[in-house]
Amino acid sequence: MPTRTLIASVLFLTTGFTCAAGVNVDVLQSKLDHPWSLAFLPENKGMLITLRDGQLRRWQPGEGPGDPISGVPKVWAHGQGGLFDVVLAPDFAKSRRVWLSYAEAGDDDKAGTAVGYGILSPDFQRLEDFKVVFRQQPKLSTGNHFGGRMAFDGKGHLFIALGENNQRPTAQDLNKLQGKVVRLNEDGSVPKDNPFVGKPGVRAEIWSYGHRNPQGLAINPANGELWLNEHGPRGGDEINIPQAGKNYGWPIATWGINYSGLAVPEAKGEIVAGTEQPSYYWKVSPAVSGMAFYNADKFPQWKGKLFIGALKEENLIELTLRGDKVTGQQRLLEDRQQRIRDVRVGPDGYLYVLTDESDGQLLKLSPKS
C-alpha cells in the first residue's frame, strides 16, 4: 500500500458559512487526496474515509484523520482505479467487519473490481484477517469503469455495482461480470434465489445487467428497493432501480452518444425491446457519483429527498421524488466549484459530502433556516 501521506491533521472549521445555493456548509477537513467514500462508526467514534491511492483513514472531530489503517489490500491505483467504497457490516457492533471494494491487478497490466472484508481492531489501527470474497472476472480494465459501490439490503444480502471496464459489449455478456449488479450473501456466497442460478454459461452472482459505469448505489428506505445511478457516455447518465434478471440496455440502448460526437456503435436507439428504460436520465451528463436518501428527522424539509453528487457539473443534485419518479430537482454547492464524489446521511441527521480533489474536503451540510 502506498506510504505517501497527503493528509494534513489540521481541521478547517467554517461553521456558519452559508452557501448561496440554499445550504449551510461546515468544512470539517481539507487536504484529503482524492477521497472516495466514507462510513460512520457507531458510538460517535468518527468515520472511516477511503482515499483512491489505497489509504483507509479514521477521521474524528477535533482530531482529524489518523495514520493509515494497516491491513488494507494492495490496490491498483491507476486511471480511475484505486480504493473505492467502504461499508460497515450490518452486524458491525458484534463482528467489527469492514467491507472494502477496490481495483485489483490482474495479468497484462489490466485490473478488475474486488471486494472483501477485514476485522477492525479495537484501537482502530488495523484491518485484521482481510478476506477477498468477490473478484470481477475476467479482469479487463486498463484504467476505466470499475464501479465499486456496495449496499446491504437489510435482508442478508450485499449488492455490488460493477462497471464494464470500458469494454462495451461485455455488459450484455452473461458469462462475464462487467457491467453488472451482483448480489451475494453476507458471507460472500451466492444466494440460491439469484435470477441466473443454475443456468449454464451464466454467472450466478448476477442480479441485473446492461450497466455502463455505476457510481451510486443505495437502498430506498421507503420501500427497501435498490437504486443505482450510472454514467452514460456523452449524455445519458441514468437512475435505475435494478430488478432481478433485467437488462438495463447498455450499450444497445442509451440516451447518450460517444465522446467523439458519433453514435455508440452497438446502440440500436434510446428505447429497445427487451431492455428496461431508466427511471430517470439526464440528456446532458452531470457525471453522477455517490448518492443517499435522506430519511432522518433532523431536517423535515429534506425528508424523502435523494441527493446525488456530480463530478463534471461540480455540484450536489437534490431530487424530489414521488414514489419511484423524479418530480423535481435543484443544484446545491454550485458556487464552490468542487467535484462531489460521495454523499452520506450522518447519524446526527446532517449531510456529509466528500469532494474529489487533490485537496479534497469533508463537508457537513444543513439546509438554510
Protein backbone atom coordinates (compact mmCIF):
# COMPACT_ATOMS: atom_id res chain seq x y z
CA MET A 1 0.00 0.00 0.00
CA PRO A 2 1.35 3.48 -0.75
CA THR A 3 3.10 5.12 2.19
CA ARG A 4 2.74 8.60 0.76
CA THR A 5 0.89 10.81 3.25
CA LEU A 6 -1.02 13.74 1.80
CA ILE A 7 -3.47 14.48 4.60
CA ALA A 8 -2.95 17.35 6.98
CA SER A 9 -4.03 16.72 10.56
CA VAL A 10 -5.37 20.24 10.94
CA LEU A 11 -9.12 20.82 10.94
CA PHE A 12 -10.68 23.61 8.92
CA LEU A 13 -13.88 24.76 10.60
CA THR A 14 -16.05 27.36 8.88
CA THR A 15 -19.18 26.92 10.96
CA GLY A 16 -21.98 29.17 9.88
CA PHE A 17 -20.88 29.80 6.31
CA THR A 18 -23.98 29.97 4.14
CA CYS A 19 -23.81 28.69 0.59
CA ALA A 20 -25.76 30.74 -1.94
CA ALA A 21 -27.48 27.58 -3.15
CA GLY A 22 -29.54 27.03 -0.02
CA VAL A 23 -27.30 25.14 2.40
CA ASN A 24 -25.03 25.94 5.31
CA VAL A 25 -21.58 24.42 4.85
CA ASP A 26 -19.04 23.46 7.50
CA VAL A 27 -15.64 22.44 6.11
CA LEU A 28 -14.57 19.76 8.58
CA GLN A 29 -11.39 18.64 6.87
CA SER A 30 -9.18 19.69 4.00
CA LYS A 31 -6.05 18.20 2.38
CA LEU A 32 -7.66 14.85 1.55
CA ASP A 33 -6.05 13.31 -1.53
CA HIS A 34 -8.99 12.25 -3.76
CA PRO A 35 -11.31 10.79 -1.10
CA TRP A 36 -13.81 8.28 -2.47
CA SER A 37 -16.15 7.09 0.27
CA LEU A 38 -16.98 7.36 3.96
CA ALA A 39 -18.70 5.23 6.60
CA PHE A 40 -19.82 6.32 10.06
CA LEU A 41 -18.54 4.39 13.06
CA PRO A 42 -21.06 3.80 15.88
CA GLU A 43 -20.95 5.41 19.31
CA ASN A 44 -19.54 8.70 18.00
CA LYS A 45 -16.21 7.09 17.11
CA GLY A 46 -15.84 9.17 13.94
CA MET A 47 -15.84 7.84 10.41
CA LEU A 48 -13.73 5.80 8.01
CA ILE A 49 -12.65 7.51 4.79
CA THR A 50 -11.10 5.84 1.74
CA LEU A 51 -8.57 7.60 -0.45
CA ARG A 52 -8.19 6.49 -4.03
CA ASP A 53 -4.45 5.81 -3.70
CA GLY A 54 -5.16 2.96 -1.26
CA GLN A 55 -5.35 4.55 2.18
CA LEU A 56 -8.10 3.95 4.74
CA ARG A 57 -8.23 6.55 7.50
CA ARG A 58 -10.27 7.10 10.62
CA TRP A 59 -11.43 10.69 11.00
CA GLN A 60 -12.56 12.12 14.34
CA PRO A 61 -14.00 15.56 15.16
CA GLY A 62 -11.38 17.78 16.72
CA GLU A 63 -8.56 15.40 15.81
CA GLY A 64 -8.71 14.95 12.05
CA PRO A 65 -7.55 11.80 10.25
CA GLY A 66 -5.25 9.37 11.99
CA ASP A 67 -2.47 7.36 10.43
CA PRO A 68 -3.36 4.97 7.61
CA ILE A 69 -5.08 1.84 8.90
CA SER A 70 -2.93 -1.20 8.15
CA GLY A 71 -4.18 -4.43 6.60
CA VAL A 72 -5.81 -2.82 3.57
CA PRO A 73 -5.25 -4.98 0.46
CA LYS A 74 -2.92 -3.76 -2.26
CA VAL A 75 -4.87 -1.67 -4.75
CA TRP A 76 -4.29 -0.97 -8.43
CA ALA A 77 -4.20 2.84 -8.32
CA HIS A 78 -4.10 3.78 -11.99
CA GLY A 79 -6.53 5.87 -14.03
CA GLN A 80 -9.89 5.58 -12.29
CA GLY A 81 -8.67 2.59 -10.29
CA GLY A 82 -7.88 2.58 -6.59
CA LEU A 83 -9.58 2.09 -3.24
CA PHE A 84 -13.31 2.64 -3.65
CA ASP A 85 -16.17 2.05 -1.25
CA VAL A 86 -16.15 1.38 2.50
CA VAL A 87 -19.24 -0.08 4.18
CA LEU A 88 -19.68 -1.43 7.69
CA ALA A 89 -21.27 -4.87 8.03
CA PRO A 90 -24.83 -4.73 9.37
CA ASP A 91 -23.61 -6.56 12.49
CA PHE A 92 -20.51 -4.38 12.86
CA ALA A 93 -21.12 -3.85 16.59
CA LYS A 94 -20.53 -7.57 17.05
CA SER A 95 -18.34 -8.62 14.12
CA ARG A 96 -16.37 -5.39 13.50
CA ARG A 97 -16.28 -6.31 9.81
CA VAL A 98 -15.35 -3.50 7.42
CA TRP A 99 -16.08 -4.15 3.75
CA LEU A 100 -13.93 -2.58 1.02
CA SER A 101 -14.13 -2.53 -2.76
CA TYR A 102 -11.06 -1.74 -4.81
CA ALA A 103 -9.28 -2.19 -8.14
CA GLU A 104 -7.17 -5.33 -8.13
CA ALA A 105 -4.35 -6.04 -10.57
CA GLY A 106 -4.51 -8.96 -12.97
CA ASP A 107 -2.40 -10.02 -15.91
CA ASP A 108 -1.23 -7.89 -18.86
CA ASP A 109 -1.48 -4.62 -16.91
CA LYS A 110 -5.25 -4.99 -16.56
CA ALA A 111 -7.42 -4.88 -13.47
CA GLY A 112 -10.89 -5.55 -12.14
CA THR A 113 -13.01 -4.75 -9.09
CA ALA A 114 -12.58 -6.89 -5.97
CA VAL A 115 -14.50 -6.90 -2.68
CA GLY A 116 -13.62 -8.25 0.74
CA TYR A 117 -13.69 -7.55 4.44
CA GLY A 118 -11.39 -7.34 7.42
CA ILE A 119 -11.89 -7.09 11.18
CA LEU A 120 -11.26 -3.59 12.54
CA SER A 121 -9.04 -3.81 15.61
CA PRO A 122 -10.35 -2.35 18.90
CA ASP A 123 -7.84 0.50 18.65
CA PHE A 124 -8.94 1.29 15.05
CA GLN A 125 -5.37 0.86 13.80
CA ARG A 126 -5.61 -2.38 11.77
CA LEU A 127 -7.83 -4.41 9.47
CA GLU A 128 -7.12 -7.97 10.53
CA ASP A 129 -7.54 -11.18 8.51
CA PHE A 130 -8.70 -9.44 5.34
CA LYS A 131 -10.62 -11.90 3.17
CA VAL A 132 -11.42 -11.36 -0.51
CA VAL A 133 -14.87 -12.80 -1.24
CA PHE A 134 -15.51 -11.49 -4.76
CA ARG A 135 -13.45 -10.78 -7.86
CA GLN A 136 -14.72 -9.34 -11.13
CA GLN A 137 -13.87 -11.81 -13.87
CA PRO A 138 -12.27 -11.57 -16.29
CA LYS A 139 -10.04 -8.59 -15.48
CA LEU A 140 -10.32 -6.26 -18.49
CA SER A 141 -9.87 -2.68 -17.31
CA THR A 142 -6.89 -0.61 -18.42
CA GLY A 143 -7.98 2.14 -16.03
CA ASN A 144 -11.66 2.85 -16.64
CA HIS A 145 -15.17 1.99 -15.46
CA PHE A 146 -14.75 -0.06 -12.30
CA GLY A 147 -17.97 0.83 -10.49
CA GLY A 148 -17.39 -0.40 -6.94
CA ARG A 149 -20.33 0.86 -4.89
CA MET A 150 -21.80 -1.54 -2.33
CA ALA A 151 -25.06 -1.70 -0.36
CA PHE A 152 -26.52 -4.13 2.16
CA ASP A 153 -30.25 -4.65 1.79
CA GLY A 154 -31.04 -5.49 5.42
CA LYS A 155 -32.21 -8.97 4.34
CA GLY A 156 -28.88 -10.73 4.45
CA HIS A 157 -27.58 -9.67 1.02
CA LEU A 158 -24.82 -7.46 -0.35
CA PHE A 159 -25.20 -5.73 -3.73
CA ILE A 160 -22.11 -4.66 -5.70
CA ALA A 161 -22.29 -2.40 -8.77
CA LEU A 162 -19.69 -3.14 -11.45
CA GLY A 163 -18.58 -1.10 -14.45
CA GLU A 164 -17.96 -2.63 -17.86
CA ASN A 165 -14.26 -1.68 -17.82
CA ASN A 166 -14.86 0.44 -20.94
CA GLN A 167 -15.45 -2.80 -22.88
CA ARG A 168 -18.99 -2.06 -24.04
CA PRO A 169 -20.22 -5.47 -25.32
CA THR A 170 -19.33 -7.19 -22.05
CA ALA A 171 -22.29 -5.52 -20.32
CA GLN A 172 -24.56 -7.84 -22.35
CA ASP A 173 -22.42 -10.97 -21.86
CA LEU A 174 -23.84 -13.04 -19.02
CA ASN A 175 -20.65 -15.08 -18.78
CA LYS A 176 -18.72 -12.00 -17.67
CA LEU A 177 -19.03 -9.78 -14.61
CA GLN A 178 -18.57 -6.48 -16.44
CA GLY A 179 -21.49 -4.04 -16.48
CA LYS A 180 -23.46 -5.95 -13.85
CA VAL A 181 -25.02 -5.60 -10.44
CA VAL A 182 -24.19 -8.70 -8.42
CA ARG A 183 -25.93 -9.99 -5.31
CA LEU A 184 -24.16 -12.03 -2.64
CA ASN A 185 -24.97 -13.33 0.80
CA GLU A 186 -23.27 -11.52 3.64
CA ASP A 187 -20.64 -14.27 3.80
CA GLY A 188 -19.81 -13.80 0.11
CA SER A 189 -21.65 -16.88 -1.15
CA VAL A 190 -24.22 -16.77 -3.96
CA PRO A 191 -27.91 -16.68 -2.89
CA LYS A 192 -29.87 -19.66 -4.15
CA ASP A 193 -32.65 -17.37 -5.42
CA ASN A 194 -30.44 -15.20 -7.65
CA PRO A 195 -32.09 -14.98 -11.08
CA PHE A 196 -29.48 -16.92 -13.07
CA VAL A 197 -28.55 -19.65 -10.59
CA GLY A 198 -28.27 -23.00 -12.35
CA LYS A 199 -28.30 -21.59 -15.88
CA PRO A 200 -25.35 -22.88 -17.95
CA GLY A 201 -22.88 -20.31 -19.23
CA VAL A 202 -24.22 -17.58 -16.94
CA ARG A 203 -22.55 -16.15 -13.83
CA ALA A 204 -24.75 -16.99 -10.84
CA GLU A 205 -23.70 -13.82 -9.00
CA ILE A 206 -25.54 -11.59 -11.48
CA TRP A 207 -28.63 -9.69 -10.32
CA SER A 208 -29.03 -7.33 -13.30
CA TYR A 209 -27.01 -6.42 -16.38
CA GLY A 210 -26.58 -3.87 -19.16
CA HIS A 211 -24.97 -1.25 -16.91
CA ARG A 212 -22.15 1.05 -18.03
CA ASN A 213 -20.31 2.61 -15.08
CA PRO A 214 -22.34 2.69 -11.83
CA GLN A 215 -21.23 5.34 -9.36
CA GLY A 216 -24.03 5.47 -6.78
CA LEU A 217 -25.91 2.67 -5.01
CA ALA A 218 -28.40 2.94 -2.15
CA ILE A 219 -31.40 1.21 -0.61
CA ASN A 220 -34.58 3.33 -0.67
CA PRO A 221 -35.76 3.40 2.96
CA ALA A 222 -39.35 3.97 1.82
CA ASN A 223 -39.69 0.51 0.31
CA GLY A 224 -36.36 -1.35 0.52
CA GLU A 225 -35.70 -1.13 -3.24
CA LEU A 226 -32.19 -0.92 -4.62
CA TRP A 227 -31.44 2.28 -6.55
CA LEU A 228 -28.43 2.83 -8.77
CA ASN A 229 -27.03 5.69 -10.80
CA GLU A 230 -24.54 5.32 -13.61
CA HIS A 231 -22.54 7.34 -16.08
CA GLY A 232 -23.70 7.44 -19.66
CA PRO A 233 -21.15 8.21 -22.36
CA ARG A 234 -21.58 11.76 -23.72
CA GLY A 235 -25.02 12.31 -22.23
CA GLY A 236 -27.36 9.71 -20.85
CA ASP A 237 -26.48 9.48 -17.16
CA GLU A 238 -29.19 7.31 -15.59
CA ILE A 239 -31.01 6.36 -12.42
CA ASN A 240 -32.15 2.74 -12.43
CA ILE A 241 -33.98 0.52 -9.95
CA PRO A 242 -32.33 -2.82 -10.77
CA GLN A 243 -34.72 -5.78 -10.76
CA ALA A 244 -33.76 -9.44 -10.74
CA GLY A 245 -32.66 -10.68 -14.16
CA LYS A 246 -33.49 -7.47 -16.03
CA ASN A 247 -31.39 -5.90 -18.81
CA TYR A 248 -30.77 -2.15 -18.48
CA GLY A 249 -29.64 -1.76 -22.04
CA TRP A 250 -26.03 -0.64 -22.29
CA PRO A 251 -24.67 -0.43 -24.94
CA ILE A 252 -27.58 -1.40 -27.22
CA ALA A 253 -29.96 1.14 -25.61
CA THR A 254 -28.69 4.53 -24.46
CA TRP A 255 -29.73 8.18 -24.28
CA GLY A 256 -26.13 9.25 -24.89
CA ILE A 257 -23.63 9.30 -27.75
CA ASN A 258 -19.92 8.61 -27.97
CA TYR A 259 -17.44 11.24 -26.80
CA SER A 260 -16.48 11.68 -30.45
CA GLY A 261 -19.97 13.01 -31.15
CA LEU A 262 -20.88 9.90 -33.16
CA ALA A 263 -23.41 7.26 -32.20
CA VAL A 264 -22.37 4.43 -29.90
CA PRO A 265 -21.54 1.64 -32.42
CA GLU A 266 -23.69 -1.04 -30.76
CA ALA A 267 -26.62 1.25 -29.99
CA LYS A 268 -29.98 0.47 -31.61
CA GLY A 269 -31.74 3.52 -30.17
CA GLU A 270 -32.91 5.03 -26.91
CA ILE A 271 -35.77 2.57 -26.44
CA VAL A 272 -35.03 -1.04 -27.42
CA ALA A 273 -37.30 -4.07 -26.95
CA GLY A 274 -36.12 -6.40 -24.20
CA THR A 275 -34.35 -3.67 -22.25
CA GLU A 276 -35.52 -1.55 -19.32
CA GLN A 277 -35.83 2.20 -19.53
CA PRO A 278 -34.14 4.22 -16.79
CA SER A 279 -36.32 5.64 -14.05
CA TYR A 280 -34.71 8.97 -14.85
CA TYR A 281 -31.96 10.19 -17.16
CA TRP A 282 -30.04 13.37 -17.93
CA LYS A 283 -29.60 14.17 -21.61
CA VAL A 284 -26.57 16.27 -20.63
CA SER A 285 -24.44 14.31 -18.19
CA PRO A 286 -23.71 15.84 -14.78
CA ALA A 287 -21.33 12.85 -14.21
CA VAL A 288 -23.26 11.41 -11.27
CA SER A 289 -21.47 9.92 -8.28
CA GLY A 290 -22.37 8.83 -4.74
CA MET A 291 -25.98 9.09 -3.64
CA ALA A 292 -28.04 8.95 -0.45
CA PHE A 293 -31.70 9.04 0.52
CA TYR A 294 -32.49 11.47 3.31
CA ASN A 295 -34.60 9.66 5.89
CA ALA A 296 -33.64 11.47 9.09
CA ASP A 297 -35.87 13.67 11.23
CA LYS A 298 -33.31 16.45 11.77
CA PHE A 299 -34.41 18.48 8.72
CA PRO A 300 -38.05 17.72 7.74
CA GLN A 301 -37.71 19.78 4.53
CA TRP A 302 -35.23 17.18 3.24
CA LYS A 303 -37.28 14.13 4.24
CA GLY A 304 -37.71 11.76 1.30
CA LYS A 305 -35.25 13.63 -0.94
CA LEU A 306 -32.49 11.90 -2.91
CA PHE A 307 -29.06 13.54 -3.03
CA ILE A 308 -26.52 12.73 -5.75
CA GLY A 309 -23.03 14.11 -6.23
CA ALA A 310 -21.97 15.47 -9.61
CA LEU A 311 -18.36 15.35 -10.79
CA LYS A 312 -18.48 17.24 -14.09
CA GLU A 313 -21.14 19.74 -13.01
CA GLU A 314 -19.32 20.24 -9.68
CA ASN A 315 -22.43 20.36 -7.52
CA LEU A 316 -24.83 18.36 -5.38
CA ILE A 317 -28.11 17.36 -7.02
CA GLU A 318 -31.23 17.43 -4.82
CA LEU A 319 -34.07 15.35 -6.27
CA THR A 320 -37.70 15.41 -5.18
CA LEU A 321 -39.42 12.05 -5.51
CA ARG A 322 -42.96 10.77 -5.77
CA GLY A 323 -42.69 7.02 -5.39
CA ASP A 324 -40.05 5.94 -7.88
CA LYS A 325 -40.43 9.06 -10.06
CA VAL A 326 -38.29 12.19 -10.02
CA THR A 327 -40.64 15.18 -9.90
CA GLY A 328 -38.15 18.00 -9.37
CA GLN A 329 -34.51 18.83 -8.96
CA GLN A 330 -32.22 21.62 -7.92
CA ARG A 331 -28.48 22.10 -7.60
CA LEU A 332 -26.59 22.81 -4.38
CA LEU A 333 -22.96 23.84 -3.80
CA GLU A 334 -22.54 25.19 -7.33
CA ASP A 335 -20.67 28.23 -6.08
CA ARG A 336 -17.92 26.04 -4.57
CA GLN A 337 -16.88 24.58 -7.96
CA GLN A 338 -15.81 21.24 -6.49
CA ARG A 339 -16.26 17.73 -7.85
CA ILE A 340 -18.59 15.85 -5.50
CA ARG A 341 -17.60 12.19 -5.08
CA ASP A 342 -19.73 10.93 -2.19
CA VAL A 343 -22.70 12.00 -0.07
CA ARG A 344 -23.98 10.28 3.08
CA VAL A 345 -26.53 10.97 5.80
CA GLY A 346 -24.89 11.04 9.21
CA PRO A 347 -26.35 9.56 12.39
CA ASP A 348 -26.85 13.19 13.53
CA GLY A 349 -29.12 13.91 10.53
CA TYR A 350 -26.66 16.18 8.69
CA LEU A 351 -25.46 15.52 5.13
CA TYR A 352 -21.77 14.76 4.72
CA VAL A 353 -20.02 15.25 1.38
CA LEU A 354 -16.58 14.36 0.02
CA THR A 355 -15.03 16.40 -2.79
CA ASP A 356 -12.87 14.64 -5.36
CA GLU A 357 -9.79 16.85 -5.49
CA SER A 358 -6.10 16.52 -4.69
CA ASP A 359 -7.02 18.94 -1.90
CA GLY A 360 -10.32 17.19 -1.21
CA GLN A 361 -12.64 18.24 1.57
CA LEU A 362 -15.10 16.72 4.01
CA LEU A 363 -18.17 18.95 4.21
CA LYS A 364 -21.08 18.96 6.65
CA LEU A 365 -24.33 20.37 5.23
CA SER A 366 -27.60 21.61 6.67
CA PRO A 367 -30.43 23.45 4.92
CA LYS A 368 -30.85 27.19 5.30
CA SER A 369 -33.31 28.00 8.03
